[in-house]
Amino acid sequence: MHGAMFVAQARHQAGKALRVTEAAAASRPSAEGLLTLNPPQSGNVVSFDTRDYAIIDFRLITNQWTALLQVGLTLKIFFADGSVIELLNFFSSVLADDAPSGDEQTGTTTGEGPASTKSVLVRTTDTEFLSPDEFGRSYWVTKTSGLVVLPVPG
C-alpha cells in the first residue's frame, strides 16, 4: 500500500497527555484501525475510505501539502510533486451555516451525509485529536465542486 501504513491497533504513548476536543470526545472511535498518512510517490493518487479507520494520523504530512480541498464528503490533499491523497467520506455533512459563498461549491446538499454516523478522529499533533469537521475548520480547506486545476512544477 503506497502512501500509508495500516496498524491494527492504536495505542497512547505512556507519559504523553492527550488533548481531545469536546466534539471529538463525543464521537469516540469504536474501530481499532489507524491510518498513518505519508506523502505518496511523486505523481501518484492514493485513496482511503475513512469509514475503515478509527484514527487518521496526519503528523507526517502536516503542512507539507500545497492544497486541501473538500469535494463533497471527500478531503483531497495535494502535494507539490503532483501526488494526491483522497480521504473518502472524511466530512460528515455540509452544514447550512457552512454553505458556500461566491464561486465556492460543495458538491453535496446540506444535511446529513452517508459518513455522518462514523466516529473517526484526526491526529494532528502528538497531543491533539480533532473530528474531521473540526479539522476542516482549523486548517485552510477550500470547498469545490470537483474540477481542480493545480499547476505541477516541471
N, C-alpha and C. Protein backbone atom coordinates (compact mmCIF):
# COMPACT_ATOMS: atom_id res chain seq x y z
N MET A 1 0.85 -1.17 0.00
CA MET A 1 0.00 0.00 0.00
C MET A 1 0.90 1.23 0.00
N HIS A 2 0.85 2.04 -1.04
CA HIS A 2 1.69 3.23 -1.13
C HIS A 2 1.05 4.39 -0.40
N GLY A 3 1.85 5.16 0.32
CA GLY A 3 1.38 6.39 0.92
C GLY A 3 0.78 6.25 2.31
N ALA A 4 0.58 5.06 2.80
CA ALA A 4 0.01 4.92 4.13
C ALA A 4 0.38 3.57 4.72
N MET A 5 0.29 3.51 6.03
CA MET A 5 0.58 2.29 6.74
C MET A 5 -0.63 1.97 7.60
N PHE A 6 -1.08 0.73 7.60
CA PHE A 6 -2.22 0.33 8.41
C PHE A 6 -1.69 -0.39 9.63
N VAL A 7 -2.11 0.05 10.80
CA VAL A 7 -1.73 -0.57 12.06
C VAL A 7 -3.01 -1.08 12.70
N ALA A 8 -3.01 -2.31 13.17
CA ALA A 8 -4.24 -2.93 13.67
C ALA A 8 -4.78 -2.28 14.93
N GLN A 9 -3.92 -1.70 15.75
CA GLN A 9 -4.40 -1.11 16.99
C GLN A 9 -3.65 0.17 17.28
N ALA A 10 -4.37 1.20 17.69
CA ALA A 10 -3.76 2.47 18.06
C ALA A 10 -3.62 2.51 19.57
N ARG A 11 -2.44 2.85 20.06
CA ARG A 11 -2.20 2.92 21.49
C ARG A 11 -1.63 4.28 21.85
N HIS A 12 -2.01 4.75 23.01
CA HIS A 12 -1.48 6.01 23.53
C HIS A 12 -0.08 5.77 24.08
N GLN A 13 0.83 6.68 23.79
CA GLN A 13 2.19 6.57 24.31
C GLN A 13 2.19 6.98 25.78
N ALA A 14 2.79 6.18 26.63
CA ALA A 14 2.85 6.47 28.06
C ALA A 14 3.55 7.79 28.30
N GLY A 15 3.04 8.56 29.22
CA GLY A 15 3.66 9.82 29.58
C GLY A 15 3.27 10.99 28.71
N LYS A 16 2.46 10.78 27.69
CA LYS A 16 2.03 11.86 26.79
C LYS A 16 0.60 12.23 27.11
N ALA A 17 0.36 13.49 27.38
CA ALA A 17 -1.00 13.96 27.63
C ALA A 17 -1.72 14.12 26.30
N LEU A 18 -2.96 13.67 26.25
CA LEU A 18 -3.75 13.79 25.04
C LEU A 18 -4.76 14.91 25.19
N ARG A 19 -4.90 15.71 24.16
CA ARG A 19 -5.91 16.77 24.14
C ARG A 19 -6.96 16.36 23.13
N VAL A 20 -8.14 16.03 23.61
CA VAL A 20 -9.23 15.63 22.75
C VAL A 20 -10.30 16.70 22.86
N THR A 21 -10.69 17.28 21.74
CA THR A 21 -11.69 18.33 21.77
C THR A 21 -13.04 17.77 22.17
N GLU A 22 -13.94 18.63 22.59
CA GLU A 22 -15.25 18.20 23.09
C GLU A 22 -16.03 17.42 22.03
N ALA A 23 -16.06 17.92 20.81
CA ALA A 23 -16.80 17.23 19.74
C ALA A 23 -16.15 15.89 19.42
N ALA A 24 -14.82 15.84 19.43
CA ALA A 24 -14.14 14.59 19.14
C ALA A 24 -14.39 13.57 20.26
N ALA A 25 -14.43 14.04 21.50
CA ALA A 25 -14.68 13.14 22.62
C ALA A 25 -16.07 12.54 22.55
N ALA A 26 -17.02 13.30 22.03
CA ALA A 26 -18.40 12.81 21.92
C ALA A 26 -18.52 11.71 20.89
N SER A 27 -17.54 11.60 20.01
CA SER A 27 -17.62 10.58 18.96
C SER A 27 -16.40 9.67 19.02
N ARG A 28 -16.15 9.09 20.18
CA ARG A 28 -15.02 8.17 20.34
C ARG A 28 -15.10 7.03 19.34
N PRO A 29 -13.97 6.64 18.75
CA PRO A 29 -13.99 5.58 17.75
C PRO A 29 -14.27 4.21 18.36
N SER A 30 -15.00 3.39 17.62
CA SER A 30 -15.24 2.02 18.05
C SER A 30 -14.32 1.06 17.29
N ALA A 31 -13.83 1.47 16.13
CA ALA A 31 -12.91 0.64 15.35
C ALA A 31 -11.51 0.74 15.95
N GLU A 32 -10.62 -0.13 15.52
CA GLU A 32 -9.27 -0.15 16.04
C GLU A 32 -8.21 0.26 15.02
N GLY A 33 -8.61 0.57 13.78
CA GLY A 33 -7.64 0.84 12.72
C GLY A 33 -7.02 2.22 12.81
N LEU A 34 -5.74 2.29 12.49
CA LEU A 34 -5.00 3.54 12.45
C LEU A 34 -4.47 3.71 11.03
N LEU A 35 -4.77 4.84 10.41
CA LEU A 35 -4.24 5.17 9.09
C LEU A 35 -3.21 6.27 9.28
N THR A 36 -1.94 5.96 9.04
CA THR A 36 -0.87 6.94 9.12
C THR A 36 -0.58 7.42 7.72
N LEU A 37 -0.82 8.71 7.48
CA LEU A 37 -0.64 9.27 6.14
C LEU A 37 0.82 9.64 5.90
N ASN A 38 1.32 9.24 4.74
CA ASN A 38 2.65 9.59 4.26
C ASN A 38 2.47 10.19 2.88
N PRO A 39 3.35 11.10 2.46
CA PRO A 39 3.22 11.61 1.09
C PRO A 39 3.33 10.46 0.09
N PRO A 40 2.41 10.40 -0.88
CA PRO A 40 2.50 9.34 -1.90
C PRO A 40 3.72 9.55 -2.78
N GLN A 41 4.07 8.53 -3.56
CA GLN A 41 5.15 8.68 -4.52
C GLN A 41 4.76 9.76 -5.51
N SER A 42 5.74 10.44 -6.06
CA SER A 42 5.52 11.56 -6.96
C SER A 42 4.51 11.23 -8.06
N GLY A 43 3.49 12.07 -8.17
CA GLY A 43 2.50 11.93 -9.21
C GLY A 43 1.41 10.90 -8.95
N ASN A 44 1.49 10.13 -7.88
CA ASN A 44 0.51 9.10 -7.59
C ASN A 44 -0.70 9.66 -6.83
N VAL A 45 -1.84 9.00 -7.03
CA VAL A 45 -3.05 9.32 -6.28
C VAL A 45 -3.41 8.08 -5.48
N VAL A 46 -3.58 8.24 -4.16
CA VAL A 46 -4.00 7.14 -3.30
C VAL A 46 -5.30 7.54 -2.61
N SER A 47 -6.18 6.57 -2.45
CA SER A 47 -7.49 6.82 -1.84
C SER A 47 -7.72 5.88 -0.67
N PHE A 48 -8.36 6.40 0.36
CA PHE A 48 -8.73 5.61 1.53
C PHE A 48 -10.14 5.98 1.94
N ASP A 49 -10.91 5.00 2.36
CA ASP A 49 -12.25 5.26 2.88
C ASP A 49 -12.12 5.40 4.39
N THR A 50 -12.42 6.59 4.90
CA THR A 50 -12.21 6.86 6.32
C THR A 50 -13.12 6.03 7.22
N ARG A 51 -14.17 5.45 6.67
CA ARG A 51 -15.05 4.61 7.48
C ARG A 51 -14.35 3.34 7.94
N ASP A 52 -13.20 3.02 7.34
CA ASP A 52 -12.45 1.82 7.70
C ASP A 52 -11.47 2.04 8.85
N TYR A 53 -11.38 3.26 9.36
CA TYR A 53 -10.36 3.60 10.36
C TYR A 53 -10.97 4.32 11.55
N ALA A 54 -10.34 4.16 12.70
CA ALA A 54 -10.73 4.87 13.91
C ALA A 54 -9.96 6.18 14.04
N ILE A 55 -8.70 6.17 13.61
CA ILE A 55 -7.84 7.35 13.72
C ILE A 55 -7.09 7.53 12.41
N ILE A 56 -7.03 8.78 11.94
CA ILE A 56 -6.22 9.12 10.78
C ILE A 56 -5.12 10.05 11.28
N ASP A 57 -3.88 9.61 11.14
CA ASP A 57 -2.73 10.33 11.66
C ASP A 57 -2.12 11.20 10.57
N PHE A 58 -2.22 12.52 10.74
CA PHE A 58 -1.71 13.50 9.77
C PHE A 58 -0.31 13.99 10.12
N ARG A 59 0.27 13.56 11.22
CA ARG A 59 1.52 14.17 11.71
C ARG A 59 2.65 14.16 10.70
N LEU A 60 2.77 13.12 9.86
CA LEU A 60 3.89 13.04 8.91
C LEU A 60 3.69 13.93 7.68
N ILE A 61 2.47 14.44 7.47
CA ILE A 61 2.23 15.27 6.29
C ILE A 61 1.76 16.68 6.63
N THR A 62 1.54 16.97 7.91
CA THR A 62 1.02 18.28 8.30
C THR A 62 1.88 19.40 7.73
N ASN A 63 1.22 20.31 7.04
CA ASN A 63 1.84 21.49 6.41
C ASN A 63 2.82 21.17 5.30
N GLN A 64 2.82 19.93 4.80
CA GLN A 64 3.63 19.58 3.62
C GLN A 64 2.81 19.68 2.34
N TRP A 65 1.50 19.84 2.47
CA TRP A 65 0.62 19.88 1.31
C TRP A 65 0.62 21.26 0.68
N THR A 66 0.17 21.31 -0.58
CA THR A 66 0.03 22.60 -1.26
C THR A 66 -1.42 23.06 -1.25
N ALA A 67 -2.36 22.11 -1.08
CA ALA A 67 -3.78 22.47 -1.03
C ALA A 67 -4.57 21.38 -0.34
N LEU A 68 -5.61 21.81 0.39
CA LEU A 68 -6.59 20.91 0.98
C LEU A 68 -7.93 21.29 0.38
N LEU A 69 -8.59 20.33 -0.28
CA LEU A 69 -9.86 20.62 -0.94
C LEU A 69 -10.95 19.68 -0.45
N GLN A 70 -12.13 20.24 -0.19
CA GLN A 70 -13.29 19.43 0.12
C GLN A 70 -14.12 19.31 -1.15
N VAL A 71 -14.31 18.08 -1.61
CA VAL A 71 -15.16 17.80 -2.76
C VAL A 71 -16.26 16.88 -2.25
N GLY A 72 -17.44 17.43 -2.00
CA GLY A 72 -18.50 16.66 -1.36
C GLY A 72 -18.06 16.27 0.03
N LEU A 73 -18.04 14.98 0.31
CA LEU A 73 -17.62 14.49 1.62
C LEU A 73 -16.14 14.09 1.64
N THR A 74 -15.46 14.22 0.50
CA THR A 74 -14.07 13.79 0.35
C THR A 74 -13.10 14.93 0.62
N LEU A 75 -12.00 14.62 1.34
CA LEU A 75 -10.90 15.55 1.51
C LEU A 75 -9.81 15.13 0.55
N LYS A 76 -9.37 16.07 -0.32
CA LYS A 76 -8.26 15.80 -1.24
C LYS A 76 -7.07 16.63 -0.76
N ILE A 77 -5.93 15.95 -0.60
CA ILE A 77 -4.71 16.57 -0.12
C ILE A 77 -3.71 16.56 -1.27
N PHE A 78 -3.34 17.74 -1.76
CA PHE A 78 -2.44 17.88 -2.90
C PHE A 78 -1.03 18.23 -2.43
N PHE A 79 -0.03 17.64 -3.11
CA PHE A 79 1.38 17.89 -2.80
C PHE A 79 2.05 18.52 -4.01
N ALA A 80 3.17 19.19 -3.80
CA ALA A 80 3.87 19.93 -4.86
C ALA A 80 4.33 19.04 -6.01
N ASP A 81 4.59 17.76 -5.75
CA ASP A 81 5.07 16.86 -6.80
C ASP A 81 3.95 16.26 -7.63
N GLY A 82 2.71 16.73 -7.43
CA GLY A 82 1.58 16.22 -8.19
C GLY A 82 0.88 15.04 -7.55
N SER A 83 1.37 14.54 -6.44
CA SER A 83 0.71 13.43 -5.76
C SER A 83 -0.49 13.94 -4.96
N VAL A 84 -1.45 13.02 -4.74
CA VAL A 84 -2.69 13.37 -4.07
C VAL A 84 -3.11 12.24 -3.14
N ILE A 85 -3.60 12.60 -1.96
CA ILE A 85 -4.26 11.65 -1.07
C ILE A 85 -5.74 12.03 -1.05
N GLU A 86 -6.60 11.04 -1.30
CA GLU A 86 -8.04 11.25 -1.22
C GLU A 86 -8.58 10.49 -0.02
N LEU A 87 -9.24 11.21 0.87
CA LEU A 87 -9.87 10.59 2.03
C LEU A 87 -11.37 10.61 1.82
N LEU A 88 -11.91 9.47 1.34
CA LEU A 88 -13.32 9.36 1.03
C LEU A 88 -14.14 9.37 2.32
N ASN A 89 -15.31 9.98 2.27
CA ASN A 89 -16.22 10.05 3.43
C ASN A 89 -15.57 10.69 4.64
N PHE A 90 -14.68 11.66 4.41
CA PHE A 90 -13.97 12.32 5.50
C PHE A 90 -14.90 13.25 6.27
N PHE A 91 -15.64 14.08 5.54
CA PHE A 91 -16.54 15.03 6.19
C PHE A 91 -17.89 14.38 6.44
N SER A 92 -18.52 14.73 7.55
CA SER A 92 -19.79 14.10 7.91
C SER A 92 -20.96 14.68 7.14
N SER A 93 -20.92 15.97 6.86
CA SER A 93 -22.02 16.62 6.14
C SER A 93 -21.61 18.03 5.80
N VAL A 94 -22.46 18.69 5.07
CA VAL A 94 -22.26 20.10 4.78
C VAL A 94 -23.32 20.85 5.57
N LEU A 95 -22.90 21.63 6.53
CA LEU A 95 -23.84 22.34 7.39
C LEU A 95 -24.40 23.56 6.70
N ALA A 96 -25.63 23.91 7.02
CA ALA A 96 -26.28 25.05 6.39
C ALA A 96 -25.49 26.33 6.61
N ASP A 97 -24.90 26.50 7.79
CA ASP A 97 -24.15 27.73 8.04
C ASP A 97 -22.78 27.70 7.39
N ASP A 98 -22.39 26.57 6.81
CA ASP A 98 -21.14 26.46 6.06
C ASP A 98 -21.39 26.53 4.57
N ALA A 99 -22.60 26.93 4.18
CA ALA A 99 -22.95 26.98 2.76
C ALA A 99 -21.95 27.84 2.01
N PRO A 100 -21.63 27.47 0.78
CA PRO A 100 -20.63 28.20 0.02
C PRO A 100 -21.10 29.60 -0.33
N SER A 101 -20.13 30.47 -0.46
CA SER A 101 -20.43 31.83 -0.90
C SER A 101 -19.63 32.11 -2.15
N GLY A 102 -20.10 33.00 -2.98
CA GLY A 102 -19.36 33.34 -4.19
C GLY A 102 -19.30 32.17 -5.13
N ASP A 103 -18.07 31.85 -5.61
CA ASP A 103 -17.93 30.78 -6.59
C ASP A 103 -17.59 29.43 -5.97
N GLU A 104 -17.58 29.34 -4.64
CA GLU A 104 -17.31 28.07 -3.99
C GLU A 104 -18.54 27.18 -4.06
N GLN A 105 -18.32 25.90 -4.25
CA GLN A 105 -19.40 24.93 -4.25
C GLN A 105 -18.94 23.71 -3.48
N THR A 106 -19.89 23.01 -2.88
CA THR A 106 -19.52 21.84 -2.10
C THR A 106 -19.72 20.55 -2.83
N GLY A 107 -20.63 20.50 -3.79
CA GLY A 107 -20.90 19.26 -4.47
C GLY A 107 -21.83 18.35 -3.70
N THR A 108 -22.35 18.79 -2.54
CA THR A 108 -23.30 17.99 -1.77
C THR A 108 -24.42 18.88 -1.32
N THR A 109 -25.46 18.26 -0.82
CA THR A 109 -26.55 19.02 -0.26
C THR A 109 -26.31 19.22 1.22
N THR A 110 -27.05 20.15 1.81
CA THR A 110 -26.91 20.34 3.25
C THR A 110 -27.60 19.20 3.96
N GLY A 111 -27.24 19.00 5.21
CA GLY A 111 -27.86 17.93 5.99
C GLY A 111 -26.90 16.78 6.18
N GLU A 112 -27.43 15.68 6.62
CA GLU A 112 -26.60 14.54 6.96
C GLU A 112 -26.19 13.77 5.72
N GLY A 113 -24.93 13.41 5.65
CA GLY A 113 -24.43 12.61 4.55
C GLY A 113 -24.20 11.18 4.99
N PRO A 114 -23.73 10.33 4.11
CA PRO A 114 -23.54 8.93 4.46
C PRO A 114 -22.47 8.71 5.51
N ALA A 115 -21.57 9.67 5.68
CA ALA A 115 -20.49 9.50 6.65
C ALA A 115 -20.85 10.05 8.02
N SER A 116 -22.08 10.54 8.19
CA SER A 116 -22.44 11.24 9.41
C SER A 116 -22.43 10.36 10.65
N THR A 117 -22.49 9.05 10.52
CA THR A 117 -22.52 8.17 11.68
C THR A 117 -21.13 7.67 12.07
N LYS A 118 -20.11 7.96 11.32
CA LYS A 118 -18.78 7.47 11.64
C LYS A 118 -18.18 8.26 12.79
N SER A 119 -17.15 7.71 13.40
CA SER A 119 -16.57 8.36 14.57
C SER A 119 -15.05 8.40 14.47
N VAL A 120 -14.51 8.70 13.29
CA VAL A 120 -13.07 8.76 13.11
C VAL A 120 -12.51 10.01 13.79
N LEU A 121 -11.30 9.90 14.29
CA LEU A 121 -10.58 11.04 14.87
C LEU A 121 -9.39 11.36 13.99
N VAL A 122 -9.01 12.63 13.93
CA VAL A 122 -7.88 13.09 13.14
C VAL A 122 -6.79 13.52 14.12
N ARG A 123 -5.62 12.89 14.01
CA ARG A 123 -4.49 13.24 14.88
C ARG A 123 -3.60 14.22 14.13
N THR A 124 -3.45 15.41 14.69
CA THR A 124 -2.67 16.45 14.03
C THR A 124 -1.34 16.73 14.74
N THR A 125 -1.26 16.45 16.02
CA THR A 125 -0.02 16.59 16.79
C THR A 125 0.07 15.40 17.74
N ASP A 126 1.14 15.34 18.51
CA ASP A 126 1.29 14.24 19.46
C ASP A 126 0.18 14.25 20.50
N THR A 127 -0.42 15.40 20.76
CA THR A 127 -1.39 15.50 21.84
C THR A 127 -2.77 15.99 21.41
N GLU A 128 -3.01 16.18 20.11
CA GLU A 128 -4.29 16.73 19.67
C GLU A 128 -5.02 15.81 18.71
N PHE A 129 -6.29 15.56 19.01
CA PHE A 129 -7.19 14.81 18.15
C PHE A 129 -8.39 15.69 17.85
N LEU A 130 -8.80 15.72 16.58
CA LEU A 130 -9.94 16.53 16.15
C LEU A 130 -10.94 15.65 15.42
N SER A 131 -12.18 16.09 15.37
CA SER A 131 -13.12 15.45 14.46
C SER A 131 -12.77 15.93 13.05
N PRO A 132 -13.20 15.23 12.01
CA PRO A 132 -12.93 15.70 10.65
C PRO A 132 -13.49 17.11 10.39
N ASP A 133 -14.67 17.41 10.92
CA ASP A 133 -15.23 18.74 10.70
C ASP A 133 -14.43 19.82 11.43
N GLU A 134 -13.91 19.50 12.62
CA GLU A 134 -13.04 20.44 13.33
C GLU A 134 -11.73 20.65 12.56
N PHE A 135 -11.21 19.57 11.96
CA PHE A 135 -10.02 19.69 11.12
C PHE A 135 -10.30 20.65 9.97
N GLY A 136 -11.46 20.50 9.34
CA GLY A 136 -11.83 21.37 8.23
C GLY A 136 -11.93 22.82 8.63
N ARG A 137 -12.34 23.09 9.86
CA ARG A 137 -12.41 24.48 10.34
C ARG A 137 -11.06 25.00 10.82
N SER A 138 -10.17 24.10 11.26
CA SER A 138 -8.87 24.52 11.82
C SER A 138 -7.81 24.75 10.75
N TYR A 139 -7.93 24.03 9.62
CA TYR A 139 -6.96 24.16 8.54
C TYR A 139 -7.65 24.79 7.34
N TRP A 140 -6.89 25.38 6.47
CA TRP A 140 -7.45 26.07 5.31
C TRP A 140 -7.90 25.04 4.29
N VAL A 141 -9.19 24.66 4.33
CA VAL A 141 -9.76 23.69 3.40
C VAL A 141 -10.70 24.44 2.48
N THR A 142 -10.44 24.36 1.19
CA THR A 142 -11.27 25.02 0.18
C THR A 142 -12.34 24.06 -0.29
N LYS A 143 -13.58 24.55 -0.37
CA LYS A 143 -14.68 23.73 -0.89
C LYS A 143 -14.75 23.93 -2.39
N THR A 144 -14.98 22.83 -3.12
CA THR A 144 -15.04 22.90 -4.58
C THR A 144 -16.05 21.89 -5.09
N SER A 145 -16.48 22.10 -6.32
CA SER A 145 -17.43 21.18 -6.94
C SER A 145 -16.75 19.94 -7.50
N GLY A 146 -15.45 19.94 -7.60
CA GLY A 146 -14.73 18.76 -8.06
C GLY A 146 -13.74 19.04 -9.17
N LEU A 147 -13.93 20.09 -9.96
CA LEU A 147 -12.98 20.42 -11.01
C LEU A 147 -11.82 21.19 -10.39
N VAL A 148 -10.64 20.59 -10.43
CA VAL A 148 -9.48 21.18 -9.78
C VAL A 148 -8.34 21.21 -10.78
N VAL A 149 -7.77 22.37 -10.99
CA VAL A 149 -6.60 22.50 -11.86
C VAL A 149 -5.49 23.13 -11.03
N LEU A 150 -4.46 22.34 -10.74
CA LEU A 150 -3.32 22.84 -9.99
C LEU A 150 -2.07 22.70 -10.86
N PRO A 151 -1.25 23.74 -10.91
CA PRO A 151 -0.02 23.62 -11.68
C PRO A 151 0.94 22.63 -11.03
N VAL A 152 1.57 21.82 -11.84
CA VAL A 152 2.56 20.86 -11.37
C VAL A 152 3.92 21.39 -11.75
N PRO A 153 4.82 21.53 -10.76
CA PRO A 153 6.15 22.04 -11.07
C PRO A 153 6.85 21.14 -12.09
N GLY A 154 7.49 21.78 -13.06
CA GLY A 154 8.10 20.99 -14.13
C GLY A 154 9.52 20.94 -14.02
